[in-house]
Amino acid sequence: MVDLLALGDEEVSNWVKNSKSIQSVTRLPGDASTRKYYRIVSQNQSYVVMRMDPFPEQKSSLPFLVVQAHLEKAGVAVPRVLEVDSDRGFILLEDLGDVTLLRKLQEVGSADVERHMYEKVIDLLVQFQVSASPKKKDTSLEAFRLRFDHEKLMWEINFTLENFYQLYLKRELPAKDLGLIQEGFSEICSFLAEQPTVLAHRDFHSRNVMVTADENQGDRWIMIDFQDARMGPIQYDLASLLKDSYYQLEEGQITSLIDYYIARYEALSGHPIDRPHFMHVFDLMAVQRNFKAIGSFASFMNRRGDPVYLKYIGNTFENIRRNLLKYPKYFKLRELLFHYYYF
């Protein structure tokens, strides 16, 4: 097995030169987190090393490892963990390649091809929700004890108000307008917090699904970046996927895919879904989820000077605008959000 102790940033070059078993080490583009990734080739086999802060006290109780083991046991497609070095903060994973759902979508030549891809990802999501969610009142995993309650959902709203409007746009919102925005979102978050829950990935979008070719079974669709899972409405991950900041689906396509999701969820879980209610929750969940994403994009710039994700804010706000237009009761919320955005 590969010597993980040799994979410190400053040690990579020397280690490659001195090691006969390692053929190459390549730094991979990271995601929005502070984790770092390397692809290493050893004896003509490829692996990926995920590097993070050392976790000697957590060891196997690190959330990523706990959730990965749980999902793997539940039959959900996730990357295999091959070796762990908690003292150095290294996790050796199977190499899933470089093709995300987002990149795979570049091959789309028709709406049918696009829909087929998303149906495969929805199959993965439904398997995750049905097989990996806790049975009855199981609290064995930390993820099962955490949920998107009103407090958590509103924390995310206030996070965006601070990081996007106040820190990034430099907007001074009058107390009355800020109060009206918080009041509108609080009503939405209260409604969402009342919904039945399943295990939610929490960041299930086109960048966090990998596609790998399998000679025997065709493409494998594999979820990554699942360490922050917690309990949430069944619409949470679906809204994240279909109202993606990175890839815009046509509304008719979204409707077809929601129909597909409902059919698959009912078939696998045995529980019927009230479609009108489901759609109501889906729309408002998408509003909250998209608003939270805007705060994250702005915070990367505010805290790390990373502007890469700012270009997705426009698409994300458009998702919010379209959904709020369906609900006249949130007219004032929509008006204020966009007044201080376009101001």
Protein backbone atom coordinates (compact mmCIF):
# COMPACT_ATOMS: atom_id res chain seq x y z
CA MET A 1 0.00 0.00 0.00
CA VAL A 2 1.07 3.58 -0.64
CA ASP A 3 3.02 5.32 2.11
CA LEU A 4 0.66 8.13 3.17
CA LEU A 5 3.27 9.72 5.41
CA ALA A 6 5.08 10.93 2.31
CA LEU A 7 2.18 13.00 1.01
CA GLY A 8 2.69 16.30 2.85
CA ASP A 9 2.57 19.28 0.50
CA GLU A 10 6.26 20.11 1.01
CA GLU A 11 7.28 16.48 0.79
CA VAL A 12 5.54 15.42 -2.41
CA SER A 13 8.30 16.28 -4.89
CA ASN A 14 11.14 14.74 -2.86
CA TRP A 15 9.10 11.70 -2.06
CA VAL A 16 8.34 11.04 -5.72
CA LYS A 17 12.03 11.35 -6.57
CA ASN A 18 13.10 8.99 -3.78
CA SER A 19 10.34 6.40 -4.03
CA LYS A 20 10.61 3.58 -6.52
CA SER A 21 7.01 2.48 -6.00
CA ILE A 22 5.41 5.79 -6.90
CA GLN A 23 5.24 6.61 -10.60
CA SER A 24 3.56 10.02 -10.36
CA VAL A 25 1.77 12.46 -8.06
CA THR A 26 -0.61 15.06 -9.47
CA ARG A 27 -2.39 17.78 -7.52
CA LEU A 28 -6.10 17.77 -8.39
CA PRO A 29 -8.45 20.75 -8.42
CA GLY A 30 -10.27 20.95 -5.11
CA ASP A 31 -13.89 21.70 -4.35
CA ALA A 32 -15.24 24.62 -2.33
CA SER A 33 -13.75 23.20 0.88
CA THR A 34 -10.21 23.55 2.23
CA ARG A 35 -9.45 19.88 1.56
CA LYS A 36 -6.69 19.05 -0.92
CA TYR A 37 -6.59 16.16 -3.37
CA TYR A 38 -3.77 14.27 -5.10
CA ARG A 39 -3.88 11.54 -7.71
CA ILE A 40 -1.05 9.07 -7.27
CA VAL A 41 -0.03 6.24 -9.57
CA SER A 42 1.69 3.28 -7.97
CA GLN A 43 2.47 0.03 -9.78
CA ASN A 44 0.20 1.15 -12.63
CA GLN A 45 -2.77 1.63 -10.32
CA SER A 46 -4.32 5.01 -9.64
CA TYR A 47 -5.52 6.30 -6.26
CA VAL A 48 -6.69 9.60 -4.82
CA VAL A 49 -5.46 11.03 -1.54
CA MET A 50 -7.70 13.46 0.32
CA ARG A 51 -5.72 15.67 2.67
CA MET A 52 -7.26 17.59 5.57
CA ASP A 53 -6.27 18.75 9.02
CA PRO A 54 -4.94 15.87 11.16
CA PHE A 55 -7.62 14.09 13.20
CA PRO A 56 -5.70 11.90 15.70
CA GLU A 57 -8.42 12.18 18.36
CA GLN A 58 -11.32 11.36 16.04
CA LYS A 59 -9.64 8.58 14.06
CA SER A 60 -12.41 6.35 12.65
CA SER A 61 -15.10 8.61 14.17
CA LEU A 62 -14.30 11.35 11.64
CA PRO A 63 -17.70 12.27 10.09
CA PHE A 64 -16.50 11.49 6.55
CA LEU A 65 -15.42 7.98 7.58
CA VAL A 66 -18.51 7.30 9.68
CA VAL A 67 -20.94 8.38 6.96
CA GLN A 68 -18.94 6.63 4.23
CA ALA A 69 -19.04 3.34 6.14
CA HIS A 70 -22.75 3.72 6.79
CA LEU A 71 -23.57 4.46 3.15
CA GLU A 72 -21.39 1.64 1.85
CA LYS A 73 -23.12 -0.79 4.20
CA ALA A 74 -26.50 0.49 2.98
CA GLY A 75 -25.54 -0.28 -0.61
CA VAL A 76 -25.18 3.35 -1.69
CA ALA A 77 -22.48 4.04 -4.29
CA VAL A 78 -19.69 5.99 -2.57
CA PRO A 79 -15.88 5.98 -3.03
CA ARG A 80 -14.09 3.12 -1.28
CA VAL A 81 -11.74 4.03 1.56
CA LEU A 82 -8.45 2.12 1.21
CA GLU A 83 -6.28 3.51 3.99
CA VAL A 84 -6.40 6.18 6.71
CA ASP A 85 -3.60 8.15 8.33
CA SER A 86 -5.32 10.24 11.00
CA ASP A 87 -2.07 11.65 12.42
CA ARG A 88 -1.25 13.33 9.11
CA GLY A 89 -4.80 13.91 7.91
CA PHE A 90 -4.65 11.61 4.86
CA ILE A 91 -7.37 9.35 3.49
CA LEU A 92 -6.58 7.09 0.53
CA LEU A 93 -9.59 6.59 -1.77
CA GLU A 94 -10.34 4.73 -4.95
CA ASP A 95 -9.81 6.92 -7.99
CA LEU A 96 -13.17 7.77 -9.54
CA GLY A 97 -11.65 9.74 -12.40
CA ASP A 98 -12.42 13.35 -13.29
CA VAL A 99 -15.93 13.18 -14.73
CA THR A 100 -18.62 14.76 -12.59
CA LEU A 101 -22.28 14.92 -13.57
CA LEU A 102 -21.63 18.55 -14.52
CA ARG A 103 -18.87 17.53 -16.92
CA LYS A 104 -20.90 14.60 -18.25
CA LEU A 105 -23.69 17.02 -19.11
CA GLN A 106 -21.37 18.61 -21.66
CA GLU A 107 -22.12 15.55 -23.81
CA VAL A 108 -25.84 16.28 -23.82
CA GLY A 109 -27.21 16.50 -27.35
CA SER A 110 -30.92 16.33 -26.56
CA ALA A 111 -33.42 16.72 -23.74
CA ASP A 112 -33.87 12.94 -23.72
CA VAL A 113 -30.16 12.32 -23.08
CA GLU A 114 -30.17 14.97 -20.35
CA ARG A 115 -33.22 13.43 -18.70
CA HIS A 116 -31.70 9.95 -18.84
CA MET A 117 -28.59 11.17 -17.00
CA TYR A 118 -30.64 12.81 -14.29
CA GLU A 119 -32.80 9.73 -13.90
CA LYS A 120 -29.66 7.71 -13.10
CA VAL A 121 -28.71 10.27 -10.44
CA ILE A 122 -32.24 10.25 -9.02
CA ASP A 123 -31.99 6.45 -8.74
CA LEU A 124 -28.87 7.00 -6.64
CA LEU A 125 -30.63 9.62 -4.51
CA VAL A 126 -33.68 7.46 -3.84
CA GLN A 127 -31.46 4.52 -2.90
CA PHE A 128 -29.65 6.82 -0.48
CA GLN A 129 -32.83 8.18 1.08
CA VAL A 130 -34.58 4.84 1.49
CA SER A 131 -31.66 2.56 2.40
CA ALA A 132 -29.48 4.92 4.47
CA SER A 133 -32.16 6.74 6.48
CA PRO A 134 -32.55 5.60 10.11
CA LYS A 135 -35.14 3.02 11.02
CA LYS A 136 -37.69 4.30 13.53
CA LYS A 137 -35.84 6.28 16.22
CA ASP A 138 -32.30 5.15 15.48
CA THR A 139 -29.78 7.73 16.77
CA SER A 140 -26.65 5.62 16.32
CA LEU A 141 -25.08 8.11 13.89
CA GLU A 142 -24.44 11.75 14.66
CA ALA A 143 -26.09 12.53 11.32
CA PHE A 144 -29.31 10.97 12.60
CA ARG A 145 -29.32 13.30 15.61
CA LEU A 146 -28.91 16.43 13.50
CA ARG A 147 -31.73 17.91 11.46
CA PHE A 148 -32.77 20.94 9.51
CA ASP A 149 -34.94 22.48 12.20
CA HIS A 150 -36.11 26.10 12.18
CA GLU A 151 -33.00 27.28 14.00
CA LYS A 152 -30.60 25.66 11.51
CA LEU A 153 -32.53 26.80 8.44
CA MET A 154 -32.72 30.38 9.72
CA TRP A 155 -29.04 30.35 10.65
CA GLU A 156 -28.31 29.69 6.98
CA ILE A 157 -30.61 32.55 5.93
CA ASN A 158 -28.87 34.98 8.26
CA PHE A 159 -25.51 33.68 7.05
CA THR A 160 -26.40 34.83 3.52
CA LEU A 161 -27.82 38.15 4.69
CA GLU A 162 -24.51 38.85 6.39
CA ASN A 163 -22.05 37.41 3.87
CA PHE A 164 -23.77 38.42 0.65
CA TYR A 165 -25.74 41.58 1.32
CA GLN A 166 -23.74 43.16 4.11
CA LEU A 167 -20.14 42.04 3.54
CA TYR A 168 -19.99 41.45 -0.22
CA LEU A 169 -22.53 43.91 -1.65
CA LYS A 170 -21.92 46.41 1.20
CA ARG A 171 -25.67 46.98 1.54
CA GLU A 172 -27.02 48.65 4.66
CA LEU A 173 -30.48 47.18 5.03
CA PRO A 174 -32.85 49.34 7.11
CA ALA A 175 -34.04 47.54 10.23
CA LYS A 176 -37.64 47.47 8.95
CA ASP A 177 -36.70 45.84 5.62
CA LEU A 178 -34.30 43.39 7.26
CA GLY A 179 -37.05 42.43 9.69
CA LEU A 180 -39.51 41.82 6.84
CA ILE A 181 -37.00 39.62 5.02
CA GLN A 182 -36.32 37.59 8.15
CA GLU A 183 -40.04 37.34 8.89
CA GLY A 184 -40.77 36.00 5.40
CA PHE A 185 -37.97 33.47 5.57
CA SER A 186 -38.91 32.48 9.11
CA GLU A 187 -42.37 31.50 7.89
CA ILE A 188 -40.84 29.43 5.10
CA CYS A 189 -38.35 27.78 7.47
CA SER A 190 -41.07 26.95 10.01
CA PHE A 191 -43.04 25.21 7.26
CA LEU A 192 -39.98 23.26 6.09
CA ALA A 193 -39.01 22.26 9.64
CA GLU A 194 -42.42 20.63 10.12
CA GLN A 195 -41.95 18.17 7.26
CA PRO A 196 -41.10 14.48 7.72
CA THR A 197 -37.38 13.78 7.34
CA VAL A 198 -34.98 11.35 5.72
CA LEU A 199 -31.18 11.36 5.69
CA ALA A 200 -30.12 14.30 3.51
CA HIS A 201 -26.77 14.50 1.73
CA ARG A 202 -26.95 18.27 2.20
CA ASP A 203 -24.89 19.24 -0.88
CA PHE A 204 -26.25 16.99 -3.62
CA HIS A 205 -25.61 18.74 -6.94
CA SER A 206 -23.90 18.23 -10.29
CA ARG A 207 -20.38 18.69 -8.89
CA ASN A 208 -20.85 16.08 -6.17
CA VAL A 209 -21.83 13.14 -8.36
CA MET A 210 -19.02 11.28 -10.13
CA VAL A 211 -19.46 9.17 -13.26
CA THR A 212 -17.09 6.29 -13.93
CA ALA A 213 -17.14 3.75 -16.73
CA ASP A 214 -17.73 0.13 -15.73
CA GLU A 215 -16.98 -2.47 -18.38
CA ASN A 216 -19.67 -4.82 -17.08
CA GLN A 217 -22.40 -2.47 -15.89
CA GLY A 218 -21.98 0.71 -17.93
CA ASP A 219 -21.55 4.02 -16.14
CA ARG A 220 -21.39 4.07 -12.33
CA TRP A 221 -22.96 7.08 -10.61
CA ILE A 222 -21.31 7.77 -7.27
CA MET A 223 -22.00 10.42 -4.63
CA ILE A 224 -19.15 12.27 -2.93
CA ASP A 225 -18.80 15.03 -0.30
CA PHE A 226 -21.41 13.47 1.98
CA GLN A 227 -19.73 14.08 5.35
CA ASP A 228 -22.18 16.82 6.43
CA ALA A 229 -25.27 14.64 6.08
CA ARG A 230 -28.15 15.30 8.45
CA MET A 231 -31.90 14.74 8.61
CA GLY A 232 -34.06 16.88 6.34
CA PRO A 233 -37.18 16.84 4.12
CA ILE A 234 -37.13 14.38 1.21
CA GLN A 235 -37.24 17.42 -1.08
CA TYR A 236 -33.96 18.85 0.24
CA ASP A 237 -31.50 16.96 -1.96
CA LEU A 238 -33.87 16.85 -4.92
CA ALA A 239 -34.19 20.65 -4.83
CA SER A 240 -30.41 20.94 -4.62
CA LEU A 241 -30.05 18.69 -7.68
CA LEU A 242 -32.80 20.07 -9.93
CA LYS A 243 -32.42 23.73 -8.93
CA ASP A 244 -28.65 23.59 -9.24
CA SER A 245 -26.54 26.74 -9.16
CA TYR A 246 -24.15 25.24 -11.72
CA TYR A 247 -26.54 23.85 -14.34
CA GLN A 248 -29.92 25.21 -15.38
CA LEU A 249 -32.65 22.75 -16.32
CA GLU A 250 -35.76 23.81 -18.24
CA GLU A 251 -38.91 23.90 -16.11
CA GLY A 252 -40.56 21.19 -18.21
CA GLN A 253 -37.57 18.94 -17.65
CA ILE A 254 -37.70 19.59 -13.92
CA THR A 255 -41.39 18.61 -13.86
CA SER A 256 -40.67 15.36 -15.70
CA LEU A 257 -37.82 14.52 -13.34
CA ILE A 258 -39.94 15.23 -10.27
CA ASP A 259 -42.54 12.82 -11.66
CA TYR A 260 -39.78 10.24 -12.12
CA TYR A 261 -38.51 10.82 -8.58
CA ILE A 262 -41.98 10.40 -7.07
CA ALA A 263 -42.55 7.15 -8.95
CA ARG A 264 -39.16 5.77 -7.90
CA TYR A 265 -39.51 6.84 -4.27
CA GLU A 266 -43.00 5.36 -3.97
CA ALA A 267 -41.84 2.10 -5.56
CA LEU A 268 -38.77 1.69 -3.35
CA SER A 269 -40.17 3.01 -0.07
CA GLY A 270 -43.75 1.79 -0.35
CA HIS A 271 -44.99 5.20 0.83
CA PRO A 272 -47.37 7.23 -1.36
CA ILE A 273 -46.60 10.91 -2.03
CA ASP A 274 -49.15 13.72 -2.18
CA ARG A 275 -47.89 15.48 -5.31
CA PRO A 276 -49.37 18.99 -4.75
CA HIS A 277 -47.97 19.10 -1.21
CA PHE A 278 -44.67 17.66 -2.42
CA MET A 279 -44.37 20.42 -5.01
CA HIS A 280 -45.14 23.12 -2.45
CA VAL A 281 -42.38 21.85 -0.17
CA PHE A 282 -40.02 21.41 -3.13
CA ASP A 283 -40.45 25.03 -4.25
CA LEU A 284 -39.87 26.52 -0.82
CA MET A 285 -37.02 24.12 -0.05
CA ALA A 286 -35.36 25.26 -3.28
CA VAL A 287 -35.73 28.90 -2.21
CA GLN A 288 -34.07 28.26 1.14
CA ARG A 289 -31.37 26.01 -0.34
CA ASN A 290 -30.50 28.42 -3.15
CA PHE A 291 -30.40 31.38 -0.78
CA LYS A 292 -27.99 29.49 1.46
CA ALA A 293 -25.77 28.68 -1.55
CA ILE A 294 -25.48 32.39 -2.37
CA GLY A 295 -24.16 33.02 1.13
CA SER A 296 -21.59 30.28 0.69
CA PHE A 297 -20.39 31.68 -2.63
CA ALA A 298 -19.99 35.14 -1.12
CA SER A 299 -18.25 33.80 1.98
CA PHE A 300 -15.55 32.13 -0.15
CA MET A 301 -14.72 35.58 -1.46
CA ASN A 302 -15.02 37.32 1.90
CA ARG A 303 -12.96 34.81 3.90
CA ARG A 304 -10.53 33.33 1.37
CA GLY A 305 -10.46 35.86 -1.42
CA ASP A 306 -11.77 33.16 -3.78
CA PRO A 307 -13.99 34.69 -6.51
CA VAL A 308 -14.54 31.47 -8.49
CA TYR A 309 -18.09 30.86 -7.28
CA LEU A 310 -19.37 34.42 -7.62
CA LYS A 311 -20.33 33.77 -11.25
CA TYR A 312 -23.02 31.32 -10.11
CA ILE A 313 -24.93 33.83 -8.00
CA GLY A 314 -26.97 35.13 -10.95
CA ASN A 315 -28.29 31.66 -11.85
CA THR A 316 -29.05 30.95 -8.23
CA PHE A 317 -31.01 34.18 -7.74
CA GLU A 318 -33.00 33.39 -10.88
CA ASN A 319 -33.99 30.05 -9.33
CA ILE A 320 -35.24 31.94 -6.26
CA ARG A 321 -37.12 34.54 -8.30
CA ARG A 322 -38.97 31.92 -10.35
CA ASN A 323 -40.05 29.94 -7.31
CA LEU A 324 -41.19 32.94 -5.28
CA LEU A 325 -43.25 34.17 -8.24
CA LYS A 326 -45.47 31.11 -7.75
CA TYR A 327 -46.47 32.29 -4.25
CA PRO A 328 -48.08 35.77 -4.09
CA LYS A 329 -47.96 35.70 -0.28
CA TYR A 330 -44.17 36.12 -0.53
CA PHE A 331 -44.37 39.14 -2.84
CA LYS A 332 -42.81 41.47 -0.27
CA LEU A 333 -39.96 39.06 0.45
CA ARG A 334 -39.18 38.73 -3.26
CA GLU A 335 -39.40 42.49 -3.78
CA LEU A 336 -36.95 43.27 -0.97
CA LEU A 337 -34.47 40.51 -1.86
CA PHE A 338 -34.18 41.74 -5.41
CA HIS A 339 -34.31 45.43 -4.59
CA TYR A 340 -31.12 45.17 -2.52
CA TYR A 341 -29.55 42.73 -5.01
CA TYR A 342 -30.11 44.93 -8.10
CA PHE A 343 -29.96 48.26 -6.22
